[in-house]
Amino acid sequence: MKFLASLLFLLTCIGCQTNSYDEITGENAIRDFEEGNYRILKYGYWAFVRTEEEQRITEKYGIAFVPVAGDVIPSSLNLVNVSEYNTEMTRLLNEKFGIDLESELKYEKAESAESLNAEASPQH
C-alpha cells in the first residue's frame, strides 16, 4: 500500500512539471508570476520530497515547489535556466509578500534541526 501511495505521489508530481524545458526562463517566471502561478522549481535527489518548510510556505503564501527532475538530470534541462527562473520568481515573490524566501526556508530548517537535536539529547 505504501508503494502505491508513493507511486501515485510521483506520478502526480510528474504531472506538475512544466510542459517543456524550453519554457523555463527568467522571462517566463515573470509571466507565471503575473498569472498567479507562484512556484519554485526543484531538481536533484530530494526534488520529489516535500519538506515541512515548503508545506508551510505553500499554505501561507500559495507558493508551489515543483520538481522538474530527479537526481538524473535530462540533457534537455538547462540548469542555468532553472536558476534564472528561480532567481526571478524569488525576487518577485519577495517583493509581493515582503519576505525573504531563502531566509525563511533556512530559518525554518535551522529551527527544525534545533528541535531534532533537542529531542535527541539525553535528559539529565
PDB file of N, CA and C in Angstrom:
ATOM      1  N   MET A   1       0.830  -1.197   0.000  1.00  0.00           N
ATOM      2  CA  MET A   1       0.000   0.000   0.000  1.00  0.00           C
ATOM      3  C   MET A   1       0.874   1.260   0.000  1.00  0.00           C
ATOM      4  N   LYS A   2       1.961   1.236   0.821  1.00  0.00           N
ATOM      5  CA  LYS A   2       2.853   2.387   0.885  1.00  0.00           C
ATOM      6  C   LYS A   2       3.491   2.626  -0.486  1.00  0.00           C
ATOM      7  N   PHE A   3       3.839   1.526  -1.178  1.00  0.00           N
ATOM      8  CA  PHE A   3       4.416   1.633  -2.515  1.00  0.00           C
ATOM      9  C   PHE A   3       3.449   2.323  -3.473  1.00  0.00           C
ATOM     10  N   LEU A   4       2.181   1.925  -3.423  1.00  0.00           N
ATOM     11  CA  LEU A   4       1.185   2.519  -4.314  1.00  0.00           C
ATOM     12  C   LEU A   4       0.996   4.004  -4.036  1.00  0.00           C
ATOM     13  N   ALA A   5       1.011   4.367  -2.766  1.00  0.00           N
ATOM     14  CA  ALA A   5       0.885   5.784  -2.405  1.00  0.00           C
ATOM     15  C   ALA A   5       2.083   6.571  -2.920  1.00  0.00           C
ATOM     16  N   SER A   6       3.278   5.999  -2.802  1.00  0.00           N
ATOM     17  CA  SER A   6       4.479   6.670  -3.300  1.00  0.00           C
ATOM     18  C   SER A   6       4.437   6.808  -4.812  1.00  0.00           C
ATOM     19  N   LEU A   7       3.989   5.766  -5.483  1.00  0.00           N
ATOM     20  CA  LEU A   7       3.886   5.801  -6.935  1.00  0.00           C
ATOM     21  C   LEU A   7       2.876   6.861  -7.384  1.00  0.00           C
ATOM     22  N   LEU A   8       1.755   6.943  -6.721  1.00  0.00           N
ATOM     23  CA  LEU A   8       0.739   7.941  -7.044  1.00  0.00           C
ATOM     24  C   LEU A   8       1.294   9.345  -6.850  1.00  0.00           C
ATOM     25  N   PHE A   9       2.023   9.554  -5.739  1.00  0.00           N
ATOM     26  CA  PHE A   9       2.623  10.856  -5.472  1.00  0.00           C
ATOM     27  C   PHE A   9       3.606  11.224  -6.579  1.00  0.00           C
ATOM     28  N   LEU A  10       4.440  10.256  -6.972  1.00  0.00           N
ATOM     29  CA  LEU A  10       5.423  10.503  -8.013  1.00  0.00           C
ATOM     30  C   LEU A  10       4.749  10.870  -9.327  1.00  0.00           C
ATOM     31  N   LEU A  11       3.713  10.141  -9.705  1.00  0.00           N
ATOM     32  CA  LEU A  11       3.002  10.442 -10.943  1.00  0.00           C
ATOM     33  C   LEU A  11       2.328  11.801 -10.880  1.00  0.00           C
ATOM     34  N   THR A  12       1.819  12.158  -9.725  1.00  0.00           N
ATOM     35  CA  THR A  12       1.202  13.476  -9.546  1.00  0.00           C
ATOM     36  C   THR A  12       2.238  14.565  -9.730  1.00  0.00           C
ATOM     37  N   CYS A  13       3.413  14.377  -9.139  1.00  0.00           N
ATOM     38  CA  CYS A  13       4.480  15.373  -9.251  1.00  0.00           C
ATOM     39  C   CYS A  13       4.951  15.516 -10.690  1.00  0.00           C
ATOM     40  N   ILE A  14       5.053  14.397 -11.389  1.00  0.00           N
ATOM     41  CA  ILE A  14       5.482  14.457 -12.778  1.00  0.00           C
ATOM     42  C   ILE A  14       4.477  15.279 -13.581  1.00  0.00           C
ATOM     43  N   GLY A  15       3.211  15.149 -13.265  1.00  0.00           N
ATOM     44  CA  GLY A  15       2.189  15.931 -13.947  1.00  0.00           C
ATOM     45  C   GLY A  15       2.275  17.416 -13.647  1.00  0.00           C
ATOM     46  N   CYS A  16       2.967  17.796 -12.573  1.00  0.00           N
ATOM     47  CA  CYS A  16       3.115  19.193 -12.193  1.00  0.00           C
ATOM     48  C   CYS A  16       4.240  19.881 -12.950  1.00  0.00           C
ATOM     49  N   GLN A  17       5.061  19.114 -13.652  1.00  0.00           N
ATOM     50  CA  GLN A  17       6.197  19.694 -14.349  1.00  0.00           C
ATOM     51  C   GLN A  17       5.726  20.614 -15.461  1.00  0.00           C
ATOM     52  N   THR A  18       6.657  21.478 -15.876  1.00  0.00           N
ATOM     53  CA  THR A  18       6.314  22.355 -16.983  1.00  0.00           C
ATOM     54  C   THR A  18       6.137  21.521 -18.235  1.00  0.00           C
ATOM     55  N   ASN A  19       5.413  22.039 -19.216  1.00  0.00           N
ATOM     56  CA  ASN A  19       5.164  21.304 -20.445  1.00  0.00           C
ATOM     57  C   ASN A  19       6.438  21.073 -21.233  1.00  0.00           C
ATOM     58  N   SER A  20       7.370  22.007 -21.170  1.00  0.00           N
ATOM     59  CA  SER A  20       8.598  21.912 -21.932  1.00  0.00           C
ATOM     60  C   SER A  20       9.718  22.573 -21.143  1.00  0.00           C
ATOM     61  N   TYR A  21      10.902  21.969 -21.212  1.00  0.00           N
ATOM     62  CA  TYR A  21      12.046  22.587 -20.546  1.00  0.00           C
ATOM     63  C   TYR A  21      12.384  23.925 -21.194  1.00  0.00           C
ATOM     64  N   ASP A  22      11.989  24.125 -22.451  1.00  0.00           N
ATOM     65  CA  ASP A  22      12.236  25.393 -23.129  1.00  0.00           C
ATOM     66  C   ASP A  22      11.484  26.542 -22.470  1.00  0.00           C
ATOM     67  N   GLU A  23      10.435  26.229 -21.719  1.00  0.00           N
ATOM     68  CA  GLU A  23       9.632  27.262 -21.062  1.00  0.00           C
ATOM     69  C   GLU A  23      10.272  27.763 -19.769  1.00  0.00           C
ATOM     70  N   ILE A  24      11.358  27.145 -19.354  1.00  0.00           N
ATOM     71  CA  ILE A  24      11.999  27.543 -18.104  1.00  0.00           C
ATOM     72  C   ILE A  24      13.008  28.640 -18.407  1.00  0.00           C
ATOM     73  N   THR A  25      12.567  29.895 -18.239  1.00  0.00           N
ATOM     74  CA  THR A  25      13.431  31.055 -18.435  1.00  0.00           C
ATOM     75  C   THR A  25      13.031  32.122 -17.423  1.00  0.00           C
ATOM     76  N   GLY A  26      13.914  33.095 -17.229  1.00  0.00           N
ATOM     77  CA  GLY A  26      13.585  34.201 -16.341  1.00  0.00           C
ATOM     78  C   GLY A  26      12.372  34.974 -16.810  1.00  0.00           C
ATOM     79  N   GLU A  27      12.247  35.124 -18.140  1.00  0.00           N
ATOM     80  CA  GLU A  27      11.094  35.841 -18.688  1.00  0.00           C
ATOM     81  C   GLU A  27       9.793  35.100 -18.389  1.00  0.00           C
ATOM     82  N   ASN A  28       9.843  33.790 -18.467  1.00  0.00           N
ATOM     83  CA  ASN A  28       8.633  33.013 -18.183  1.00  0.00           C
ATOM     84  C   ASN A  28       8.302  33.001 -16.700  1.00  0.00           C
ATOM     85  N   ALA A  29       9.279  33.238 -15.864  1.00  0.00           N
ATOM     86  CA  ALA A  29       8.992  33.387 -14.434  1.00  0.00           C
ATOM     87  C   ALA A  29       8.109  34.619 -14.227  1.00  0.00           C
ATOM     88  N   ILE A  30       8.420  35.675 -14.952  1.00  0.00           N
ATOM     89  CA  ILE A  30       7.605  36.900 -14.857  1.00  0.00           C
ATOM     90  C   ILE A  30       6.184  36.614 -15.328  1.00  0.00           C
ATOM     91  N   ARG A  31       6.047  35.915 -16.456  1.00  0.00           N
ATOM     92  CA  ARG A  31       4.721  35.560 -16.973  1.00  0.00           C
ATOM     93  C   ARG A  31       3.956  34.705 -15.961  1.00  0.00           C
ATOM     94  N   ASP A  32       4.622  33.672 -15.440  1.00  0.00           N
ATOM     95  CA  ASP A  32       3.964  32.804 -14.456  1.00  0.00           C
ATOM     96  C   ASP A  32       3.522  33.603 -13.240  1.00  0.00           C
ATOM     97  N   PHE A  33       4.385  34.487 -12.760  1.00  0.00           N
ATOM     98  CA  PHE A  33       4.054  35.316 -11.600  1.00  0.00           C
ATOM     99  C   PHE A  33       2.825  36.177 -11.880  1.00  0.00           C
ATOM    100  N   GLU A  34       2.821  36.821 -13.033  1.00  0.00           N
ATOM    101  CA  GLU A  34       1.693  37.684 -13.398  1.00  0.00           C
ATOM    102  C   GLU A  34       0.392  36.905 -13.526  1.00  0.00           C
ATOM    103  N   GLU A  35       0.492  35.620 -13.882  1.00  0.00           N
ATOM    104  CA  GLU A  35      -0.691  34.760 -13.981  1.00  0.00           C
ATOM    105  C   GLU A  35      -1.070  34.126 -12.647  1.00  0.00           C
ATOM    106  N   GLY A  36      -0.310  34.449 -11.598  1.00  0.00           N
ATOM    107  CA  GLY A  36      -0.601  33.905 -10.277  1.00  0.00           C
ATOM    108  C   GLY A  36      -0.056  32.511 -10.042  1.00  0.00           C
ATOM    109  N   ASN A  37       0.828  32.047 -10.917  1.00  0.00           N
ATOM    110  CA  ASN A  37       1.461  30.739 -10.752  1.00  0.00           C
ATOM    111  C   ASN A  37       2.772  30.912  -9.996  1.00  0.00           C
ATOM    112  N   TYR A  38       2.685  30.918  -8.682  1.00  0.00           N
ATOM    113  CA  TYR A  38       3.856  31.118  -7.839  1.00  0.00           C
ATOM    114  C   TYR A  38       4.503  29.768  -7.594  1.00  0.00           C
ATOM    115  N   ARG A  39       5.697  29.570  -8.161  1.00  0.00           N
ATOM    116  CA  ARG A  39       6.351  28.280  -7.994  1.00  0.00           C
ATOM    117  C   ARG A  39       7.860  28.413  -8.029  1.00  0.00           C
ATOM    118  N   ILE A  40       8.496  27.540  -7.296  1.00  0.00           N
ATOM    119  CA  ILE A  40       9.942  27.398  -7.276  1.00  0.00           C
ATOM    120  C   ILE A  40      10.233  26.010  -7.834  1.00  0.00           C
ATOM    121  N   LEU A  41      11.147  25.941  -8.786  1.00  0.00           N
ATOM    122  CA  LEU A  41      11.471  24.679  -9.442  1.00  0.00           C
ATOM    123  C   LEU A  41      12.563  23.948  -8.663  1.00  0.00           C
ATOM    124  N   LYS A  42      12.410  22.622  -8.572  1.00  0.00           N
ATOM    125  CA  LYS A  42      13.360  21.803  -7.825  1.00  0.00           C
ATOM    126  C   LYS A  42      13.905  20.697  -8.720  1.00  0.00           C
ATOM    127  N   TYR A  43      15.128  20.310  -8.448  1.00  0.00           N
ATOM    128  CA  TYR A  43      15.714  19.155  -9.118  1.00  0.00           C
ATOM    129  C   TYR A  43      16.723  18.525  -8.155  1.00  0.00           C
ATOM    130  N   GLY A  44      17.078  17.313  -8.427  1.00  0.00           N
ATOM    131  CA  GLY A  44      18.048  16.615  -7.597  1.00  0.00           C
ATOM    132  C   GLY A  44      17.396  15.499  -6.803  1.00  0.00           C
ATOM    133  N   TYR A  45      18.196  14.865  -5.979  1.00  0.00           N
ATOM    134  CA  TYR A  45      17.771  13.689  -5.235  1.00  0.00           C
ATOM    135  C   TYR A  45      16.500  13.928  -4.423  1.00  0.00           C
ATOM    136  N   TRP A  46      16.386  15.091  -3.781  1.00  0.00           N
ATOM    137  CA  TRP A  46      15.256  15.381  -2.895  1.00  0.00           C
ATOM    138  C   TRP A  46      14.137  16.150  -3.579  1.00  0.00           C
ATOM    139  N   ALA A  47      14.189  16.296  -4.881  1.00  0.00           N
ATOM    140  CA  ALA A  47      13.208  17.126  -5.592  1.00  0.00           C
ATOM    141  C   ALA A  47      11.770  16.682  -5.367  1.00  0.00           C
ATOM    142  N   PHE A  48      11.545  15.375  -5.220  1.00  0.00           N
ATOM    143  CA  PHE A  48      10.170  14.875  -5.096  1.00  0.00           C
ATOM    144  C   PHE A  48       9.725  14.739  -3.640  1.00  0.00           C
ATOM    145  N   VAL A  49      10.564  15.241  -2.725  1.00  0.00           N
ATOM    146  CA  VAL A  49      10.220  15.218  -1.304  1.00  0.00           C
ATOM    147  C   VAL A  49       9.755  16.609  -0.900  1.00  0.00           C
ATOM    148  N   ARG A  50       8.609  16.679  -0.276  1.00  0.00           N
ATOM    149  CA  ARG A  50       8.090  17.968   0.204  1.00  0.00           C
ATOM    150  C   ARG A  50       8.459  18.108   1.671  1.00  0.00           C
ATOM    151  N   THR A  51       9.221  19.150   1.985  1.00  0.00           N
ATOM    152  CA  THR A  51       9.642  19.372   3.361  1.00  0.00           C
ATOM    153  C   THR A  51       8.543  20.089   4.144  1.00  0.00           C
ATOM    154  N   GLU A  52       8.660  20.065   5.439  1.00  0.00           N
ATOM    155  CA  GLU A  52       7.699  20.789   6.287  1.00  0.00           C
ATOM    156  C   GLU A  52       7.758  22.281   6.001  1.00  0.00           C
ATOM    157  N   GLU A  53       8.970  22.785   5.750  1.00  0.00           N
ATOM    158  CA  GLU A  53       9.140  24.210   5.468  1.00  0.00           C
ATOM    159  C   GLU A  53       8.416  24.592   4.176  1.00  0.00           C
ATOM    160  N   GLU A  54       8.586  23.743   3.152  1.00  0.00           N
ATOM    161  CA  GLU A  54       7.909  24.018   1.889  1.00  0.00           C
ATOM    162  C   GLU A  54       6.397  23.942   2.061  1.00  0.00           C
ATOM    163  N   GLN A  55       5.926  23.002   2.825  1.00  0.00           N
ATOM    164  CA  GLN A  55       4.486  22.873   3.078  1.00  0.00           C
ATOM    165  C   GLN A  55       3.938  24.118   3.775  1.00  0.00           C
ATOM    166  N   ARG A  56       4.668  24.604   4.760  1.00  0.00           N
ATOM    167  CA  ARG A  56       4.243  25.804   5.487  1.00  0.00           C
ATOM    168  C   ARG A  56       4.190  27.012   4.565  1.00  0.00           C
ATOM    169  N   ILE A  57       5.214  27.157   3.721  1.00  0.00           N
ATOM    170  CA  ILE A  57       5.253  28.294   2.802  1.00  0.00           C
ATOM    171  C   ILE A  57       4.160  28.169   1.746  1.00  0.00           C
ATOM    172  N   THR A  58       3.897  26.955   1.283  1.00  0.00           N
ATOM    173  CA  THR A  58       2.811  26.737   0.325  1.00  0.00           C
ATOM    174  C   THR A  58       1.480  27.149   0.940  1.00  0.00           C
ATOM    175  N   GLU A  59       1.238  26.733   2.171  1.00  0.00           N
ATOM    176  CA  GLU A  59      -0.024  27.070   2.837  1.00  0.00           C
ATOM    177  C   GLU A  59      -0.140  28.556   3.120  1.00  0.00           C
ATOM    178  N   LYS A  60       0.959  29.184   3.516  1.00  0.00           N
ATOM    179  CA  LYS A  60       0.927  30.589   3.910  1.00  0.00           C
ATOM    180  C   LYS A  60       0.867  31.541   2.714  1.00  0.00           C
ATOM    181  N   TYR A  61       1.638  31.244   1.658  1.00  0.00           N
ATOM    182  CA  TYR A  61       1.768  32.177   0.538  1.00  0.00           C
ATOM    183  C   TYR A  61       1.245  31.630  -0.796  1.00  0.00           C
ATOM    184  N   GLY A  62       0.910  30.353  -0.864  1.00  0.00           N
ATOM    185  CA  GLY A  62       0.447  29.769  -2.116  1.00  0.00           C
ATOM    186  C   GLY A  62       1.570  29.520  -3.111  1.00  0.00           C
ATOM    187  N   ILE A  63       2.784  29.361  -2.616  1.00  0.00           N
ATOM    188  CA  ILE A  63       3.946  29.105  -3.469  1.00  0.00           C
ATOM    189  C   ILE A  63       4.135  27.590  -3.583  1.00  0.00           C
ATOM    190  N   ALA A  64       4.157  27.100  -4.811  1.00  0.00           N
ATOM    191  CA  ALA A  64       4.357  25.664  -5.038  1.00  0.00           C
ATOM    192  C   ALA A  64       5.846  25.384  -5.261  1.00  0.00           C
ATOM    193  N   PHE A  65       6.290  24.241  -4.808  1.00  0.00           N
ATOM    194  CA  PHE A  65       7.654  23.764  -5.040  1.00  0.00           C
ATOM    195  C   PHE A  65       7.529  22.589  -5.995  1.00  0.00           C
ATOM    196  N   VAL A  66       7.938  22.809  -7.250  1.00  0.00           N
ATOM    197  CA  VAL A  66       7.650  21.886  -8.342  1.00  0.00           C
ATOM    198  C   VAL A  66       8.915  21.162  -8.801  1.00  0.00           C
ATOM    199  N   PRO A  67       8.925  19.835  -8.725  1.00  0.00           N
ATOM    200  CA  PRO A  67      10.081  19.093  -9.228  1.00  0.00           C
ATOM    201  C   PRO A  67      10.103  19.073 -10.759  1.00  0.00           C
ATOM    202  N   VAL A  68      11.279  19.365 -11.334  1.00  0.00           N
ATOM    203  CA  VAL A  68      11.436  19.291 -12.784  1.00  0.00           C
ATOM    204  C   VAL A  68      12.368  18.158 -13.193  1.00  0.00           C
ATOM    205  N   ALA A  69      13.095  17.609 -12.220  1.00  0.00           N
ATOM    206  CA  ALA A  69      13.973  16.461 -12.498  1.00  0.00           C
ATOM    207  C   ALA A  69      14.405  15.863 -11.172  1.00  0.00           C
ATOM    208  N   GLY A  70      14.712  14.591 -11.206  1.00  0.00           N
ATOM    209  CA  GLY A  70      15.239  13.914 -10.028  1.00  0.00           C
ATOM    210  C   GLY A  70      16.749  14.044  -9.984  1.00  0.00           C
ATOM    211  N   ASP A  71      17.424  12.985  -9.512  1.00  0.00           N
ATOM    212  CA  ASP A  71      18.877  13.063  -9.415  1.00  0.00           C
ATOM    213  C   ASP A  71      19.571  12.798 -10.748  1.00  0.00           C
ATOM    214  N   VAL A  72      18.835  12.330 -11.732  1.00  0.00           N
ATOM    215  CA  VAL A  72      19.365  12.209 -13.093  1.00  0.00           C
ATOM    216  C   VAL A  72      18.771  13.369 -13.889  1.00  0.00           C
ATOM    217  N   ILE A  73      19.627  14.293 -14.283  1.00  0.00           N
ATOM    218  CA  ILE A  73      19.179  15.492 -14.970  1.00  0.00           C
ATOM    219  C   ILE A  73      19.173  15.228 -16.476  1.00  0.00           C
ATOM    220  N   PRO A  74      18.021  15.377 -17.134  1.00  0.00           N
ATOM    221  CA  PRO A  74      17.978  15.180 -18.589  1.00  0.00           C
ATOM    222  C   PRO A  74      18.870  16.198 -19.299  1.00  0.00           C
ATOM    223  N   SER A  75      19.488  15.793 -20.375  1.00  0.00           N
ATOM    224  CA  SER A  75      20.372  16.702 -21.115  1.00  0.00           C
ATOM    225  C   SER A  75      19.597  17.902 -21.664  1.00  0.00           C
ATOM    226  N   SER A  76      18.304  17.763 -21.841  1.00  0.00           N
ATOM    227  CA  SER A  76      17.489  18.862 -22.369  1.00  0.00           C
ATOM    228  C   SER A  76      17.142  19.915 -21.312  1.00  0.00           C
ATOM    229  N   LEU A  77      17.450  19.633 -20.045  1.00  0.00           N
ATOM    230  CA  LEU A  77      17.165  20.594 -18.970  1.00  0.00           C
ATOM    231  C   LEU A  77      18.395  21.444 -18.714  1.00  0.00           C
ATOM    232  N   ASN A  78      18.301  22.720 -18.953  1.00  0.00           N
ATOM    233  CA  ASN A  78      19.391  23.656 -18.741  1.00  0.00           C
ATOM    234  C   ASN A  78      19.288  24.197 -17.313  1.00  0.00           C
ATOM    235  N   LEU A  79      20.231  23.810 -16.455  1.00  0.00           N
ATOM    236  CA  LEU A  79      20.174  24.220 -15.047  1.00  0.00           C
ATOM    237  C   LEU A  79      20.384  25.722 -14.868  1.00  0.00           C
ATOM    238  N   VAL A  80      21.070  26.348 -15.807  1.00  0.00           N
ATOM    239  CA  VAL A  80      21.207  27.806 -15.753  1.00  0.00           C
ATOM    240  C   VAL A  80      19.829  28.447 -15.893  1.00  0.00           C
ATOM    241  N   ASN A  81      19.005  27.914 -16.798  1.00  0.00           N
ATOM    242  CA  ASN A  81      17.648  28.442 -16.968  1.00  0.00           C
ATOM    243  C   ASN A  81      16.809  28.236 -15.716  1.00  0.00           C
ATOM    244  N   VAL A  82      16.959  27.077 -15.076  1.00  0.00           N
ATOM    245  CA  VAL A  82      16.230  26.821 -13.828  1.00  0.00           C
ATOM    246  C   VAL A  82      16.648  27.838 -12.776  1.00  0.00           C
ATOM    247  N   SER A  83      17.947  28.095 -12.680  1.00  0.00           N
ATOM    248  CA  SER A  83      18.449  29.067 -11.714  1.00  0.00           C
ATOM    249  C   SER A  83      17.920  30.466 -12.009  1.00  0.00           C
ATOM    250  N   GLU A  84      17.925  30.854 -13.287  1.00  0.00           N
ATOM    251  CA  GLU A  84      17.405  32.169 -13.667  1.00  0.00           C
ATOM    252  C   GLU A  84      15.914  32.272 -13.358  1.00  0.00           C
ATOM    253  N   TYR A  85      15.171  31.219 -13.648  1.00  0.00           N
ATOM    254  CA  TYR A  85      13.737  31.203 -13.352  1.00  0.00           C
ATOM    255  C   TYR A  85      13.521  31.394 -11.850  1.00  0.00           C
ATOM    256  N   ASN A  86      14.209  30.593 -11.047  1.00  0.00           N
ATOM    257  CA  ASN A  86      14.028  30.664  -9.596  1.00  0.00           C
ATOM    258  C   ASN A  86      14.485  32.002  -9.026  1.00  0.00           C
ATOM    259  N   THR A  87      15.562  32.551  -9.552  1.00  0.00           N
ATOM    260  CA  THR A  87      16.046  33.854  -9.081  1.00  0.00           C
ATOM    261  C   THR A  87      15.009  34.938  -9.341  1.00  0.00           C
ATOM    262  N   GLU A  88      14.463  34.946 -10.559  1.00  0.00           N
ATOM    263  CA  GLU A  88      13.458  35.957 -10.917  1.00  0.00           C
ATOM    264  C   GLU A  88      12.172  35.754 -10.119  1.00  0.00           C
ATOM    265  N   MET A  89      11.718  34.512 -10.019  1.00  0.00           N
ATOM    266  CA  MET A  89      10.488  34.234  -9.276  1.00  0.00           C
ATOM    267  C   MET A  89      10.663  34.603  -7.800  1.00  0.00           C
ATOM    268  N   THR A  90      11.800  34.252  -7.218  1.00  0.00           N
ATOM    269  CA  THR A  90      12.053  34.568  -5.808  1.00  0.00           C
ATOM    270  C   THR A  90      12.043  36.077  -5.590  1.00  0.00           C
ATOM    271  N   ARG A  91      12.667  36.834  -6.498  1.00  0.00           N
ATOM    272  CA  ARG A  91      12.675  38.296  -6.388  1.00  0.00           C
ATOM    273  C   ARG A  91      11.248  38.846  -6.402  1.00  0.00           C
ATOM    274  N   LEU A  92      10.441  38.361  -7.329  1.00  0.00           N
ATOM    275  CA  LEU A  92       9.059  38.826  -7.439  1.00  0.00           C
ATOM    276  C   LEU A  92       8.232  38.448  -6.208  1.00  0.00           C
ATOM    277  N   LEU A  93       8.407  37.228  -5.724  1.00  0.00           N
ATOM    278  CA  LEU A  93       7.668  36.774  -4.539  1.00  0.00           C
ATOM    279  C   LEU A  93       8.081  37.569  -3.305  1.00  0.00           C
ATOM    280  N   ASN A  94       9.369  37.833  -3.170  1.00  0.00           N
ATOM    281  CA  ASN A  94       9.852  38.619  -2.036  1.00  0.00           C
ATOM    282  C   ASN A  94       9.221  40.011  -2.044  1.00  0.00           C
ATOM    283  N   GLU A  95       9.151  40.620  -3.227  1.00  0.00           N
ATOM    284  CA  GLU A  95       8.526  41.945  -3.341  1.00  0.00           C
ATOM    285  C   GLU A  95       7.040  41.885  -3.008  1.00  0.00           C
ATOM    286  N   LYS A  96       6.342  40.904  -3.554  1.00  0.00           N
ATOM    287  CA  LYS A  96       4.886  40.803  -3.354  1.00  0.00           C
ATOM    288  C   LYS A  96       4.529  40.580  -1.891  1.00  0.00           C
ATOM    289  N   PHE A  97       5.221  39.645  -1.249  1.00  0.00           N
ATOM    290  CA  PHE A  97       4.851  39.257   0.113  1.00  0.00           C
ATOM    291  C   PHE A  97       5.678  39.957   1.191  1.00  0.00           C
ATOM    292  N   GLY A  98       6.668  40.749   0.788  1.00  0.00           N
ATOM    293  CA  GLY A  98       7.511  41.436   1.767  1.00  0.00           C
ATOM    294  C   GLY A  98       8.311  40.470   2.619  1.00  0.00           C
ATOM    295  N   ILE A  99       8.814  39.425   1.989  1.00  0.00           N
ATOM    296  CA  ILE A  99       9.567  38.402   2.707  1.00  0.00           C
ATOM    297  C   ILE A  99      10.915  38.194   2.034  1.00  0.00           C
ATOM    298  N   ASP A 100      11.756  37.425   2.699  1.00  0.00           N
ATOM    299  CA  ASP A 100      12.989  36.915   2.108  1.00  0.00           C
ATOM    300  C   ASP A 100      12.831  35.404   2.104  1.00  0.00           C
ATOM    301  N   LEU A 101      12.388  34.868   0.978  1.00  0.00           N
ATOM    302  CA  LEU A 101      12.026  33.466   0.882  1.00  0.00           C
ATOM    303  C   LEU A 101      13.178  32.544   1.284  1.00  0.00           C
ATOM    304  N   GLU A 102      14.382  32.840   0.810  1.00  0.00           N
ATOM    305  CA  GLU A 102      15.527  31.993   1.148  1.00  0.00           C
ATOM    306  C   GLU A 102      15.781  31.996   2.649  1.00  0.00           C
ATOM    307  N   SER A 103      15.708  33.152   3.269  1.00  0.00           N
ATOM    308  CA  SER A 103      15.917  33.225   4.715  1.00  0.00           C
ATOM    309  C   SER A 103      14.832  32.480   5.474  1.00  0.00           C
ATOM    310  N   GLU A 104      13.593  32.589   5.011  1.00  0.00           N
ATOM    311  CA  GLU A 104      12.507  31.871   5.679  1.00  0.00           C
ATOM    312  C   GLU A 104      12.724  30.370   5.617  1.00  0.00           C
ATOM    313  N   LEU A 105      13.161  29.876   4.466  1.00  0.00           N
ATOM    314  CA  LEU A 105      13.420  28.443   4.335  1.00  0.00           C
ATOM    315  C   LEU A 105      14.585  28.025   5.218  1.00  0.00           C
ATOM    316  N   LYS A 106      15.660  28.811   5.216  1.00  0.00           N
ATOM    317  CA  LYS A 106      16.829  28.484   6.039  1.00  0.00           C
ATOM    318  C   LYS A 106      16.488  28.578   7.521  1.00  0.00           C
ATOM    319  N   TYR A 107      15.726  29.614   7.900  1.00  0.00           N
ATOM    320  CA  TYR A 107      15.353  29.788   9.300  1.00  0.00           C
ATOM    321  C   TYR A 107      14.526  28.603   9.781  1.00  0.00           C
ATOM    322  N   GLU A 108      13.555  28.221   8.967  1.00  0.00           N
ATOM    323  CA  GLU A 108      12.705  27.098   9.344  1.00  0.00           C
ATOM    324  C   GLU A 108      13.504  25.802   9.423  1.00  0.00           C
ATOM    325  N   LYS A 109      14.456  25.609   8.499  1.00  0.00           N
ATOM    326  CA  LYS A 109      15.284  24.407   8.537  1.00  0.00           C
ATOM    327  C   LYS A 109      16.164  24.411   9.779  1.00  0.00           C
ATOM    328  N   ALA A 110      16.739  25.575  10.108  1.00  0.00           N
ATOM    329  CA  ALA A 110      17.580  25.658  11.296  1.00  0.00           C
ATOM    330  C   ALA A 110      16.754  25.399  12.548  1.00  0.00           C
ATOM    331  N   GLU A 111      15.544  25.955  12.596  1.00  0.00           N
ATOM    332  CA  GLU A 111      14.666  25.742  13.739  1.00  0.00           C
ATOM    333  C   GLU A 111      14.300  24.265  13.868  1.00  0.00           C
ATOM    334  N   SER A 112      14.040  23.600  12.765  1.00  0.00           N
ATOM    335  CA  SER A 112      13.718  22.175  12.780  1.00  0.00           C
ATOM    336  C   SER A 112      14.902  21.362  13.266  1.00  0.00           C
ATOM    337  N   ALA A 113      16.106  21.722  12.802  1.00  0.00           N
ATOM    338  CA  ALA A 113      17.310  20.996  13.209  1.00  0.00           C
ATOM    339  C   ALA A 113      17.535  21.149  14.709  1.00  0.00           C
ATOM    340  N   GLU A 114      17.304  22.337  15.249  1.00  0.00           N
ATOM    341  CA  GLU A 114      17.468  22.560  16.684  1.00  0.00           C
ATOM    342  C   GLU A 114      16.491  21.708  17.484  1.00  0.00           C
ATOM    343  N   SER A 115      15.257  21.612  17.027  1.00  0.00           N
ATOM    344  CA  SER A 115      14.275  20.812  17.762  1.00  0.00           C
ATOM    345  C   SER A 115      14.619  19.331  17.683  1.00  0.00           C
ATOM    346  N   LEU A 116      15.143  18.879  16.549  1.00  0.00           N
ATOM    347  CA  LEU A 116      15.556  17.476  16.436  1.00  0.00           C
ATOM    348  C   LEU A 116      16.738  17.186  17.359  1.00  0.00           C
ATOM    349  N   ASN A 117      17.689  18.128  17.419  1.00  0.00           N
ATOM    350  CA  ASN A 117      18.839  17.952  18.295  1.00  0.00           C
ATOM    351  C   ASN A 117      18.407  17.912  19.762  1.00  0.00           C
ATOM    352  N   ALA A 118      17.449  18.756  20.111  1.00  0.00           N
ATOM    353  CA  ALA A 118      16.962  18.788  21.494  1.00  0.00           C
ATOM    354  C   ALA A 118      16.279  17.478  21.842  1.00  0.00           C
ATOM    355  N   GLU A 119      15.526  16.928  20.905  1.00  0.00           N
ATOM    356  CA  GLU A 119      14.839  15.654  21.149  1.00  0.00           C
ATOM    357  C   GLU A 119      15.827  14.497  21.264  1.00  0.00           C
ATOM    358  N   ALA A 120      16.933  14.586  20.533  1.00  0.00           N
ATOM    359  CA  ALA A 120      17.911  13.512  20.534  1.00  0.00           C
ATOM    360  C   ALA A 120      18.845  13.568  21.739  1.00  0.00           C
ATOM    361  N   SER A 121      18.962  14.735  22.366  1.00  0.00           N
ATOM    362  CA  SER A 121      19.849  14.872  23.514  1.00  0.00           C
ATOM    363  C   SER A 121      19.282  14.153  24.723  1.00  0.00           C
ATOM    364  N   PRO A 122      20.134  13.410  25.429  1.00  0.00           N
ATOM    365  CA  PRO A 122      19.642  12.727  26.636  1.00  0.00           C
ATOM    366  C   PRO A 122      19.304  13.716  27.733  1.00  0.00           C
ATOM    367  N   GLN A 123      18.243  13.449  28.427  1.00  0.00           N
ATOM    368  CA  GLN A 123      17.823  14.304  29.539  1.00  0.00           C
ATOM    369  C   GLN A 123      18.573  13.899  30.795  1.00  0.00           C
ATOM    370  N   HIS A 124      19.127  14.848  31.527  1.00  0.00           N
ATOM    371  CA  HIS A 124      19.845  14.556  32.767  1.00  0.00           C
ATOM    372  C   HIS A 124      19.008  14.914  33.964  1.00  0.00           C
TER     373      HIS A 124
END
